[in-house]
Every structure is written in C-alpha cells, then in structure tokens.
Amino acid sequence: MAINYEHIMSLKSEGTENSYTDKETMLYALGIGFGRDPFNEDELRFVYEGVNDPKYLKTVPTMATVLQWGGGAMQGSGINYLMVVHGEQRVTLHRPLPTSGTIISDERIIGAFDKGAGKGAVIVSEKKIRLKGTNEPLVTLVSSTFARGDGGFGGPSAGAPEPHPIPERKPDETFEASILKDQAFVYALSGDRNPLHRDPKIAKAAGFPAPIIHGLCTYGTTCRAIITNVLNYDAAKITGYDVRFSSPVFPGETVLLDVWKDGNVISFRARLKERDVVAINNGKCTLAA
C-alpha cells in the first residue's frame, strides 16, 4: 500500500499508557553498554538498584526513546517496514527521567516529505510524554523515519527539520566507545524487536550483508560516551539530545566520538574506527544552564 499524504498527515495516537520499573531502566543501560566495568561505582549506578537507597539508581536520558515503544501514530501509514531506517532523533527532556513510573503519551505525524520515486520518503512524528496522575510534562520526542521504498507518493519535497551544524574547527576531544557483537540482542529487549537487527536472512533481504545495530542503540552509545567522558557521570545535566543517522553500524564495530564544547551545547559526530565512516552526524547534546 502506497503512502497517501492526506491520510498519513491525519494519523495520531492519544492517551497511550505504559508503565516501567527499575528493571527496564537497568536493561536499557546494559543495552547501550553500561556495566562493562562492574567495579566502577559511577558506572554501576546505571545498572544496579543499590541497597536501601531509592536514589542510588540513575537513568540514561536517551532511555526516553524506548519508554513507550511500538504502535502509535505510524500504524496504518502504509510504509514498507522492511525498507525503513531511522533518519533523525530529537529528544527534549522537561525533567530528568524517573527510574520507574507510569506515563501517558500522545503522538502525531507532523511531516511527510517525498524524495522522489526510487529515492524514498521521510516521515516525521512527534511524541509528547507526561507522567500519569500529575500530568507533568516529561519528554518530547521528534523522530524522522526514512522509508527507502516509499518515494514518489506526491507529497512535498522540502520543509523537513534542519540538522544541527557541526563546528568547522577540529574536535576538542575524541572518545572511543565499543559496540559488542551481541549488543543488538540485549538492546532489542528494550522494545525494538525488528529482526533486521538480529536475523542474517532478514538483513540480506533488506539489502545489508549482515544484521545492523539499531540506530537508537548507537544513539544511546554516544550518550553513554558523553556521560562517561564529558559529564563525569552526571546524566541529569542533559536536557536535549539530537542526532542525524548517516550510516548503519555493524555488531562489533567501534565508535569514535568527536566532541565540540560550546557553553551548554556539546556538538558531536560518531565515526566508525574500522571503516572510517560517519554513522551519526549533526549531534547536539544540550545541558541545563
């Protein structure tokens, strides 16, 4: 079924409720690489609930992307999910994520851009999440999906959100963050069970030589590197985290994170050590003033 512009722009999902516990909080942190040094207490606080201290466990801000996974406004969009990759992800945190809670989310499609027949389409969605009961705004997510097989539907070609510009000077620092060969299997348990990331046959059918790492797993991995190397493990400083996905990452590859520091904005780019390919570009980590 081809994309119908008027139909896809009308899609929305309101009042979706979901609960999570400290188990999901720790599982997400493990899925993006925390916990590899269990004797480092700063790192331990993301993957262990502690003893008799309800404030011991910390959350990773990028966990916001998996708090309410699946369904939502994209249902009935008509896109070919076998040919889908993540284009951009933007997260705005209105307050630090609690380690557990019940949330309500409202999602809508805010853009559908036609790159032309054979060139794909870009679908942009916005999800607003609030805490149940208090109705306090928690996080706003804006995601773009690149539907490689759905171009030529007749929608507008221009108007998609502009990416954050990377400074032209040399990076202030570069950090290394590895992605393990089995990492996709752990990360998938946070919600995204697309077989593209774990099944070699499905990956080949989609045009890849092997399963690729979830884009949001690489996204979280870059956040882990910034929390560890720049913020001295103070993840609560992060109020925004935006990226553009440039190239797929394969299990076992190593991320080289180039970082530029300008006031409360950390710009970054993720390159792959083994292939000298940019996997994530136009990164912007915003810190509390």
C-alpha atoms as a PDB file:
ATOM      1  CA  MET A   1       0.000   0.000   0.000  1.00  0.00           C
ATOM      2  CA  ALA A   2       1.456   3.334  -1.087  1.00  0.00           C
ATOM      3  CA  ILE A   3       1.559   6.395   1.148  1.00  0.00           C
ATOM      4  CA  ASN A   4      -1.467   8.674   0.945  1.00  0.00           C
ATOM      5  CA  TYR A   5      -0.360  12.150   2.000  1.00  0.00           C
ATOM      6  CA  GLU A   6      -3.658  13.370   3.450  1.00  0.00           C
ATOM      7  CA  HIS A   7      -4.135  10.113   5.329  1.00  0.00           C
ATOM      8  CA  ILE A   8      -0.650   9.936   6.825  1.00  0.00           C
ATOM      9  CA  MET A   9      -0.812  13.564   7.967  1.00  0.00           C
ATOM     10  CA  SER A  10      -4.034  12.790   9.850  1.00  0.00           C
ATOM     11  CA  LEU A  11      -2.547   9.929  11.840  1.00  0.00           C
ATOM     12  CA  LYS A  12      -2.295  10.303  15.602  1.00  0.00           C
ATOM     13  CA  SER A  13      -2.428   8.291  18.783  1.00  0.00           C
ATOM     14  CA  GLU A  14      -3.589   9.762  22.082  1.00  0.00           C
ATOM     15  CA  GLY A  15      -3.628   8.655  25.685  1.00  0.00           C
ATOM     16  CA  THR A  16      -1.390   5.599  25.358  1.00  0.00           C
ATOM     17  CA  GLU A  17      -0.463   4.393  28.847  1.00  0.00           C
ATOM     18  CA  ASN A  18       2.628   2.425  29.775  1.00  0.00           C
ATOM     19  CA  SER A  19       4.474   1.593  32.985  1.00  0.00           C
ATOM     20  CA  TYR A  20       8.117   0.766  33.512  1.00  0.00           C
ATOM     21  CA  THR A  21      10.206  -0.265  36.502  1.00  0.00           C
ATOM     22  CA  ASP A  22      13.837  -0.136  37.548  1.00  0.00           C
ATOM     23  CA  LYS A  23      14.257  -3.427  35.637  1.00  0.00           C
ATOM     24  CA  GLU A  24      13.613  -1.666  32.314  1.00  0.00           C
ATOM     25  CA  THR A  25      15.866   1.216  33.371  1.00  0.00           C
ATOM     26  CA  MET A  26      18.787  -1.126  34.064  1.00  0.00           C
ATOM     27  CA  LEU A  27      18.122  -3.240  30.958  1.00  0.00           C
ATOM     28  CA  TYR A  28      18.280  -0.168  28.724  1.00  0.00           C
ATOM     29  CA  ALA A  29      21.582   0.906  30.281  1.00  0.00           C
ATOM     30  CA  LEU A  30      23.021  -2.575  29.716  1.00  0.00           C
ATOM     31  CA  GLY A  31      21.808  -2.486  26.108  1.00  0.00           C
ATOM     32  CA  ILE A  32      23.839   0.652  25.327  1.00  0.00           C
ATOM     33  CA  GLY A  33      26.986  -0.595  27.054  1.00  0.00           C
ATOM     34  CA  PHE A  34      26.890   0.469  30.685  1.00  0.00           C
ATOM     35  CA  GLY A  35      28.028  -2.096  33.244  1.00  0.00           C
ATOM     36  CA  ARG A  36      31.111  -3.368  31.457  1.00  0.00           C
ATOM     37  CA  ASP A  37      33.226  -2.210  34.378  1.00  0.00           C
ATOM     38  CA  PRO A  38      31.258  -3.513  37.384  1.00  0.00           C
ATOM     39  CA  PHE A  39      33.928  -2.250  39.791  1.00  0.00           C
ATOM     40  CA  ASN A  40      33.414   1.361  38.716  1.00  0.00           C
ATOM     41  CA  GLU A  41      30.687   2.631  41.058  1.00  0.00           C
ATOM     42  CA  ASP A  42      29.908   5.611  38.825  1.00  0.00           C
ATOM     43  CA  GLU A  43      29.010   3.169  36.062  1.00  0.00           C
ATOM     44  CA  LEU A  44      27.396   0.696  38.440  1.00  0.00           C
ATOM     45  CA  ARG A  45      24.750   3.260  39.365  1.00  0.00           C
ATOM     46  CA  PHE A  46      23.163   2.907  35.915  1.00  0.00           C
ATOM     47  CA  VAL A  47      22.802  -0.897  36.067  1.00  0.00           C
ATOM     48  CA  TYR A  48      22.284  -1.699  39.768  1.00  0.00           C
ATOM     49  CA  GLU A  49      19.462  -0.621  42.067  1.00  0.00           C
ATOM     50  CA  GLY A  50      21.633  -0.364  45.171  1.00  0.00           C
ATOM     51  CA  VAL A  51      20.710  -1.397  48.712  1.00  0.00           C
ATOM     52  CA  ASN A  52      18.358   0.651  50.918  1.00  0.00           C
ATOM     53  CA  ASP A  53      18.896   3.776  48.810  1.00  0.00           C
ATOM     54  CA  PRO A  54      15.974   4.674  46.499  1.00  0.00           C
ATOM     55  CA  LYS A  55      18.092   7.375  44.829  1.00  0.00           C
ATOM     56  CA  TYR A  56      21.064   5.123  44.039  1.00  0.00           C
ATOM     57  CA  LEU A  57      19.982   4.094  40.531  1.00  0.00           C
ATOM     58  CA  LYS A  58      20.377   6.647  37.723  1.00  0.00           C
ATOM     59  CA  THR A  59      18.639   6.852  34.357  1.00  0.00           C
ATOM     60  CA  VAL A  60      20.186   7.466  30.944  1.00  0.00           C
ATOM     61  CA  PRO A  61      18.352  10.395  29.247  1.00  0.00           C
ATOM     62  CA  THR A  62      18.166   8.604  25.877  1.00  0.00           C
ATOM     63  CA  MET A  63      16.010   5.911  27.522  1.00  0.00           C
ATOM     64  CA  ALA A  64      13.175   8.319  26.694  1.00  0.00           C
ATOM     65  CA  THR A  65      13.167   6.823  23.180  1.00  0.00           C
ATOM     66  CA  VAL A  66      12.011   3.403  24.442  1.00  0.00           C
ATOM     67  CA  LEU A  67       9.608   4.365  27.245  1.00  0.00           C
ATOM     68  CA  GLN A  68       6.607   3.725  25.016  1.00  0.00           C
ATOM     69  CA  TRP A  69       7.658   1.564  22.103  1.00  0.00           C
ATOM     70  CA  GLY A  70       5.673   0.454  19.074  1.00  0.00           C
ATOM     71  CA  GLY A  71       2.230   1.211  17.721  1.00  0.00           C
ATOM     72  CA  GLY A  72       1.416   4.875  17.894  1.00  0.00           C
ATOM     73  CA  ALA A  73       0.769   7.241  15.026  1.00  0.00           C
ATOM     74  CA  MET A  74       2.775   5.255  12.452  1.00  0.00           C
ATOM     75  CA  GLN A  75       0.238   2.437  12.423  1.00  0.00           C
ATOM     76  CA  GLY A  76      -1.638   2.495   9.138  1.00  0.00           C
ATOM     77  CA  SER A  77       0.959   4.709   7.464  1.00  0.00           C
ATOM     78  CA  GLY A  78       1.318   2.367   4.501  1.00  0.00           C
ATOM     79  CA  ILE A  79       5.114   2.334   4.503  1.00  0.00           C
ATOM     80  CA  ASN A  80       7.192  -0.787   3.768  1.00  0.00           C
ATOM     81  CA  TYR A  81       8.778  -1.527   7.152  1.00  0.00           C
ATOM     82  CA  LEU A  82      11.337  -3.898   5.637  1.00  0.00           C
ATOM     83  CA  MET A  83      12.867  -0.873   3.890  1.00  0.00           C
ATOM     84  CA  VAL A  84      12.772   1.517   6.847  1.00  0.00           C
ATOM     85  CA  VAL A  85      15.739   3.081   8.663  1.00  0.00           C
ATOM     86  CA  HIS A  86      15.844   5.784  11.318  1.00  0.00           C
ATOM     87  CA  GLY A  87      16.645   9.209   9.869  1.00  0.00           C
ATOM     88  CA  GLU A  88      16.837  11.607  12.827  1.00  0.00           C
ATOM     89  CA  GLN A  89      16.049  11.557  16.532  1.00  0.00           C
ATOM     90  CA  ARG A  90      15.475  14.585  18.751  1.00  0.00           C
ATOM     91  CA  VAL A  91      14.750  14.391  22.472  1.00  0.00           C
ATOM     92  CA  THR A  92      13.834  17.290  24.755  1.00  0.00           C
ATOM     93  CA  LEU A  93      13.735  16.458  28.457  1.00  0.00           C
ATOM     94  CA  HIS A  94      11.466  18.663  30.556  1.00  0.00           C
ATOM     95  CA  ARG A  95      12.745  16.974  33.722  1.00  0.00           C
ATOM     96  CA  PRO A  96      15.126  14.063  34.460  1.00  0.00           C
ATOM     97  CA  LEU A  97      13.586  10.654  33.796  1.00  0.00           C
ATOM     98  CA  PRO A  98      12.480   8.820  36.946  1.00  0.00           C
ATOM     99  CA  THR A  99      13.791   5.271  37.355  1.00  0.00           C
ATOM    100  CA  SER A 100      10.223   3.925  37.258  1.00  0.00           C
ATOM    101  CA  GLY A 101       6.763   5.281  36.643  1.00  0.00           C
ATOM    102  CA  THR A 102       3.550   5.297  34.620  1.00  0.00           C
ATOM    103  CA  ILE A 103       3.443   7.529  31.573  1.00  0.00           C
ATOM    104  CA  ILE A 104       0.877   8.776  29.069  1.00  0.00           C
ATOM    105  CA  SER A 105       1.923   9.542  25.504  1.00  0.00           C
ATOM    106  CA  ASP A 106       0.308  11.425  22.621  1.00  0.00           C
ATOM    107  CA  GLU A 107       1.798  11.071  19.142  1.00  0.00           C
ATOM    108  CA  ARG A 108       1.078  12.626  15.762  1.00  0.00           C
ATOM    109  CA  ILE A 109       2.604  12.825  12.306  1.00  0.00           C
ATOM    110  CA  ILE A 110       3.929  16.339  11.684  1.00  0.00           C
ATOM    111  CA  GLY A 111       5.551  15.879   8.277  1.00  0.00           C
ATOM    112  CA  ALA A 112       5.765  13.600   5.223  1.00  0.00           C
ATOM    113  CA  PHE A 113       8.347  14.505   2.582  1.00  0.00           C
ATOM    114  CA  ASP A 114       8.684  12.881  -0.836  1.00  0.00           C
ATOM    115  CA  LYS A 115      12.254  12.495  -2.111  1.00  0.00           C
ATOM    116  CA  GLY A 116      11.023  11.055  -5.427  1.00  0.00           C
ATOM    117  CA  ALA A 117      10.378   7.649  -6.962  1.00  0.00           C
ATOM    118  CA  GLY A 118      13.226   5.306  -6.073  1.00  0.00           C
ATOM    119  CA  LYS A 119      14.643   7.849  -3.590  1.00  0.00           C
ATOM    120  CA  GLY A 120      12.404   7.227  -0.589  1.00  0.00           C
ATOM    121  CA  ALA A 121      10.292   9.307   1.765  1.00  0.00           C
ATOM    122  CA  VAL A 122      10.866  10.974   5.146  1.00  0.00           C
ATOM    123  CA  ILE A 123       8.107  10.733   7.753  1.00  0.00           C
ATOM    124  CA  VAL A 124       8.379  12.965  10.846  1.00  0.00           C
ATOM    125  CA  SER A 125       6.476  12.196  14.046  1.00  0.00           C
ATOM    126  CA  GLU A 126       6.173  13.992  17.379  1.00  0.00           C
ATOM    127  CA  LYS A 127       5.517  12.203  20.658  1.00  0.00           C
ATOM    128  CA  LYS A 128       4.766  14.030  23.900  1.00  0.00           C
ATOM    129  CA  ILE A 129       5.092  12.029  27.114  1.00  0.00           C
ATOM    130  CA  ARG A 130       3.786  13.051  30.522  1.00  0.00           C
ATOM    131  CA  LEU A 131       3.638  11.427  33.942  1.00  0.00           C
ATOM    132  CA  LYS A 132       0.292   9.922  34.846  1.00  0.00           C
ATOM    133  CA  GLY A 133      -1.538  11.495  37.763  1.00  0.00           C
ATOM    134  CA  THR A 134       0.427  14.709  37.997  1.00  0.00           C
ATOM    135  CA  ASN A 135       0.280  15.269  34.208  1.00  0.00           C
ATOM    136  CA  GLU A 136       3.763  16.796  34.435  1.00  0.00           C
ATOM    137  CA  PRO A 137       5.420  17.003  31.001  1.00  0.00           C
ATOM    138  CA  LEU A 138       8.331  14.597  30.935  1.00  0.00           C
ATOM    139  CA  VAL A 139       9.798  14.468  27.442  1.00  0.00           C
ATOM    140  CA  THR A 140       9.101  15.422  23.824  1.00  0.00           C
ATOM    141  CA  LEU A 141      10.460  13.241  21.026  1.00  0.00           C
ATOM    142  CA  VAL A 142      10.661  14.153  17.348  1.00  0.00           C
ATOM    143  CA  SER A 143      11.662  11.290  15.066  1.00  0.00           C
ATOM    144  CA  SER A 144      12.178  11.069  11.330  1.00  0.00           C
ATOM    145  CA  THR A 145      11.830   7.761   9.521  1.00  0.00           C
ATOM    146  CA  PHE A 146      13.493   7.228   6.150  1.00  0.00           C
ATOM    147  CA  ALA A 147      11.211   4.910   4.188  1.00  0.00           C
ATOM    148  CA  ARG A 148      13.558   3.798   1.427  1.00  0.00           C
ATOM    149  CA  GLY A 149      10.853   2.088  -0.626  1.00  0.00           C
ATOM    150  CA  ASP A 150       8.090   4.695  -0.474  1.00  0.00           C
ATOM    151  CA  GLY A 151       9.162   7.661  -2.582  1.00  0.00           C
ATOM    152  CA  GLY A 152       7.012   9.058  -5.365  1.00  0.00           C
ATOM    153  CA  PHE A 153       3.745   9.431  -3.436  1.00  0.00           C
ATOM    154  CA  GLY A 154       3.279  13.075  -4.403  1.00  0.00           C
ATOM    155  CA  GLY A 155       3.953  14.856  -1.121  1.00  0.00           C
ATOM    156  CA  PRO A 156       6.115  17.964  -0.598  1.00  0.00           C
ATOM    157  CA  SER A 157       9.843  17.543  -1.146  1.00  0.00           C
ATOM    158  CA  ALA A 158      11.059  20.379   1.106  1.00  0.00           C
ATOM    159  CA  GLY A 159      10.451  21.521   4.670  1.00  0.00           C
ATOM    160  CA  ALA A 160      11.975  18.751   6.772  1.00  0.00           C
ATOM    161  CA  PRO A 161      13.694  19.856  10.029  1.00  0.00           C
ATOM    162  CA  GLU A 162      17.221  21.208   9.531  1.00  0.00           C
ATOM    163  CA  PRO A 163      20.044  19.365  11.345  1.00  0.00           C
ATOM    164  CA  HIS A 164      22.318  20.968  13.941  1.00  0.00           C
ATOM    165  CA  PRO A 165      25.504  22.304  12.255  1.00  0.00           C
ATOM    166  CA  ILE A 166      28.790  20.801  13.440  1.00  0.00           C
ATOM    167  CA  PRO A 167      31.546  23.380  14.174  1.00  0.00           C
ATOM    168  CA  GLU A 168      34.115  23.751  11.404  1.00  0.00           C
ATOM    169  CA  ARG A 169      37.110  23.656  13.772  1.00  0.00           C
ATOM    170  CA  LYS A 170      38.862  20.466  14.821  1.00  0.00           C
ATOM    171  CA  PRO A 171      37.146  18.456  17.572  1.00  0.00           C
ATOM    172  CA  ASP A 172      38.024  19.458  21.106  1.00  0.00           C
ATOM    173  CA  GLU A 173      38.231  15.773  22.091  1.00  0.00           C
ATOM    174  CA  THR A 174      37.647  12.310  20.644  1.00  0.00           C
ATOM    175  CA  PHE A 175      36.440   9.342  22.694  1.00  0.00           C
ATOM    176  CA  GLU A 176      36.164   5.649  21.859  1.00  0.00           C
ATOM    177  CA  ALA A 177      33.068   3.529  22.585  1.00  0.00           C
ATOM    178  CA  SER A 178      32.809  -0.084  21.511  1.00  0.00           C
ATOM    179  CA  ILE A 179      29.664  -1.907  20.384  1.00  0.00           C
ATOM    180  CA  LEU A 180      29.786  -5.611  21.231  1.00  0.00           C
ATOM    181  CA  LYS A 181      28.886  -8.318  18.717  1.00  0.00           C
ATOM    182  CA  ASP A 182      25.886  -9.438  20.776  1.00  0.00           C
ATOM    183  CA  GLN A 183      24.688  -5.976  21.776  1.00  0.00           C
ATOM    184  CA  ALA A 184      21.641  -5.929  19.472  1.00  0.00           C
ATOM    185  CA  PHE A 185      20.178  -8.930  21.298  1.00  0.00           C
ATOM    186  CA  VAL A 186      20.274  -7.127  24.644  1.00  0.00           C
ATOM    187  CA  TYR A 187      19.102  -3.802  23.226  1.00  0.00           C
ATOM    188  CA  ALA A 188      16.145  -5.455  21.444  1.00  0.00           C
ATOM    189  CA  LEU A 189      14.686  -6.368  24.850  1.00  0.00           C
ATOM    190  CA  SER A 190      14.019  -2.663  25.442  1.00  0.00           C
ATOM    191  CA  GLY A 191      11.310  -2.785  22.771  1.00  0.00           C
ATOM    192  CA  ASP A 192      12.589  -2.778  19.176  1.00  0.00           C
ATOM    193  CA  ARG A 193      12.476  -6.425  18.098  1.00  0.00           C
ATOM    194  CA  ASN A 194      12.817  -5.728  14.384  1.00  0.00           C
ATOM    195  CA  PRO A 195      14.535  -8.880  13.029  1.00  0.00           C
ATOM    196  CA  LEU A 196      16.664  -6.680  10.747  1.00  0.00           C
ATOM    197  CA  HIS A 197      18.988  -6.250  13.712  1.00  0.00           C
ATOM    198  CA  ARG A 198      19.352  -9.931  14.649  1.00  0.00           C
ATOM    199  CA  ASP A 199      18.423 -12.220  11.759  1.00  0.00           C
ATOM    200  CA  PRO A 200      21.041 -12.570   8.960  1.00  0.00           C
ATOM    201  CA  LYS A 201      18.426 -13.730   6.420  1.00  0.00           C
ATOM    202  CA  ILE A 202      16.158 -10.756   7.072  1.00  0.00           C
ATOM    203  CA  ALA A 203      19.119  -8.364   6.905  1.00  0.00           C
ATOM    204  CA  LYS A 204      20.161  -9.724   3.497  1.00  0.00           C
ATOM    205  CA  ALA A 205      16.583  -9.436   2.220  1.00  0.00           C
ATOM    206  CA  ALA A 206      16.703  -5.762   3.220  1.00  0.00           C
ATOM    207  CA  GLY A 207      19.955  -5.233   1.301  1.00  0.00           C
ATOM    208  CA  PHE A 208      22.511  -5.468   4.116  1.00  0.00           C
ATOM    209  CA  PRO A 209      25.366  -8.007   4.231  1.00  0.00           C
ATOM    210  CA  ALA A 210      24.655  -8.725   7.914  1.00  0.00           C
ATOM    211  CA  PRO A 211      22.307  -7.537  10.690  1.00  0.00           C
ATOM    212  CA  ILE A 212      22.819  -3.898  11.596  1.00  0.00           C
ATOM    213  CA  ILE A 213      22.790  -2.381  15.074  1.00  0.00           C
ATOM    214  CA  HIS A 214      19.630  -0.445  15.994  1.00  0.00           C
ATOM    215  CA  GLY A 215      20.182   3.209  15.178  1.00  0.00           C
ATOM    216  CA  LEU A 216      18.867   4.104  18.624  1.00  0.00           C
ATOM    217  CA  CYS A 217      21.373   1.706  20.183  1.00  0.00           C
ATOM    218  CA  THR A 218      24.200   3.641  18.522  1.00  0.00           C
ATOM    219  CA  TYR A 219      22.426   6.831  19.628  1.00  0.00           C
ATOM    220  CA  GLY A 220      22.427   5.615  23.237  1.00  0.00           C
ATOM    221  CA  THR A 221      26.037   4.507  22.929  1.00  0.00           C
ATOM    222  CA  THR A 222      27.093   8.048  22.005  1.00  0.00           C
ATOM    223  CA  CYS A 223      25.179   9.351  25.025  1.00  0.00           C
ATOM    224  CA  ARG A 224      26.993   6.832  27.225  1.00  0.00           C
ATOM    225  CA  ALA A 225      30.317   8.118  25.906  1.00  0.00           C
ATOM    226  CA  ILE A 226      29.378  11.739  26.677  1.00  0.00           C
ATOM    227  CA  ILE A 227      28.077  10.901  30.155  1.00  0.00           C
ATOM    228  CA  THR A 228      31.250   8.956  30.914  1.00  0.00           C
ATOM    229  CA  ASN A 229      33.887  11.189  29.363  1.00  0.00           C
ATOM    230  CA  VAL A 230      32.456  14.709  29.437  1.00  0.00           C
ATOM    231  CA  LEU A 231      29.861  14.918  32.219  1.00  0.00           C
ATOM    232  CA  ASN A 232      31.610  12.869  34.911  1.00  0.00           C
ATOM    233  CA  TYR A 233      28.547  10.567  35.021  1.00  0.00           C
ATOM    234  CA  ASP A 234      26.102  13.424  35.805  1.00  0.00           C
ATOM    235  CA  ALA A 235      23.473  12.372  33.271  1.00  0.00           C
ATOM    236  CA  ALA A 236      20.823  14.659  34.803  1.00  0.00           C
ATOM    237  CA  LYS A 237      22.578  17.652  33.196  1.00  0.00           C
ATOM    238  CA  ILE A 238      21.289  16.603  29.766  1.00  0.00           C
ATOM    239  CA  THR A 239      18.105  18.396  28.644  1.00  0.00           C
ATOM    240  CA  GLY A 240      18.260  17.624  24.924  1.00  0.00           C
ATOM    241  CA  TYR A 241      19.839  15.034  22.644  1.00  0.00           C
ATOM    242  CA  ASP A 242      19.537  15.300  18.850  1.00  0.00           C
ATOM    243  CA  VAL A 243      21.214  13.383  16.024  1.00  0.00           C
ATOM    244  CA  ARG A 244      21.035  12.559  12.331  1.00  0.00           C
ATOM    245  CA  PHE A 245      21.747   8.941  11.387  1.00  0.00           C
ATOM    246  CA  SER A 246      24.173   8.746   8.463  1.00  0.00           C
ATOM    247  CA  SER A 247      25.269   5.141   8.037  1.00  0.00           C
ATOM    248  CA  PRO A 248      24.435   1.738   9.533  1.00  0.00           C
ATOM    249  CA  VAL A 249      26.672   0.217  12.196  1.00  0.00           C
ATOM    250  CA  PHE A 250      27.502  -3.478  12.338  1.00  0.00           C
ATOM    251  CA  PRO A 251      27.928  -5.507  15.530  1.00  0.00           C
ATOM    252  CA  GLY A 252      31.470  -5.408  16.899  1.00  0.00           C
ATOM    253  CA  GLU A 253      32.405  -2.027  15.425  1.00  0.00           C
ATOM    254  CA  THR A 254      33.981   0.786  17.426  1.00  0.00           C
ATOM    255  CA  VAL A 255      32.576   4.307  17.635  1.00  0.00           C
ATOM    256  CA  LEU A 256      34.983   7.239  17.644  1.00  0.00           C
ATOM    257  CA  LEU A 257      33.065  10.179  19.074  1.00  0.00           C
ATOM    258  CA  ASP A 258      34.318  13.625  18.035  1.00  0.00           C
ATOM    259  CA  VAL A 259      33.163  16.276  20.519  1.00  0.00           C
ATOM    260  CA  TRP A 260      33.000  20.095  20.395  1.00  0.00           C
ATOM    261  CA  LYS A 261      32.177  22.047  23.580  1.00  0.00           C
ATOM    262  CA  ASP A 262      30.496  25.462  23.364  1.00  0.00           C
ATOM    263  CA  GLY A 263      28.852  26.648  26.586  1.00  0.00           C
ATOM    264  CA  ASN A 264      25.878  24.445  27.359  1.00  0.00           C
ATOM    265  CA  VAL A 265      25.947  22.779  23.930  1.00  0.00           C
ATOM    266  CA  ILE A 266      28.064  19.734  23.110  1.00  0.00           C
ATOM    267  CA  SER A 267      28.219  19.070  19.373  1.00  0.00           C
ATOM    268  CA  PHE A 268      29.311  15.602  18.304  1.00  0.00           C
ATOM    269  CA  ARG A 269      29.834  13.210  15.420  1.00  0.00           C
ATOM    270  CA  ALA A 270      30.270   9.429  15.558  1.00  0.00           C
ATOM    271  CA  ARG A 271      32.741   7.801  13.184  1.00  0.00           C
ATOM    272  CA  LEU A 272      33.480   4.089  12.857  1.00  0.00           C
ATOM    273  CA  LYS A 273      37.070   3.148  13.594  1.00  0.00           C
ATOM    274  CA  GLU A 274      37.102   0.062  11.391  1.00  0.00           C
ATOM    275  CA  ARG A 275      35.666   1.680   8.233  1.00  0.00           C
ATOM    276  CA  ASP A 276      36.229   5.457   8.660  1.00  0.00           C
ATOM    277  CA  VAL A 277      32.513   6.031   8.033  1.00  0.00           C
ATOM    278  CA  VAL A 278      30.343   8.632   9.767  1.00  0.00           C
ATOM    279  CA  ALA A 279      27.483   6.752  11.461  1.00  0.00           C
ATOM    280  CA  ILE A 280      25.887   9.656  13.349  1.00  0.00           C
ATOM    281  CA  ASN A 281      26.232  13.299  12.345  1.00  0.00           C
ATOM    282  CA  ASN A 282      24.929  16.702  13.452  1.00  0.00           C
ATOM    283  CA  GLY A 283      24.823  15.603  17.097  1.00  0.00           C
ATOM    284  CA  LYS A 284      23.664  18.140  19.674  1.00  0.00           C
ATOM    285  CA  CYS A 285      23.673  17.463  23.409  1.00  0.00           C
ATOM    286  CA  THR A 286      22.099  20.351  25.330  1.00  0.00           C
ATOM    287  CA  LEU A 287      22.939  20.813  29.001  1.00  0.00           C
ATOM    288  CA  ALA A 288      20.989  22.580  31.718  1.00  0.00           C
ATOM    289  CA  ALA A 289      22.069  26.199  32.035  1.00  0.00           C
END
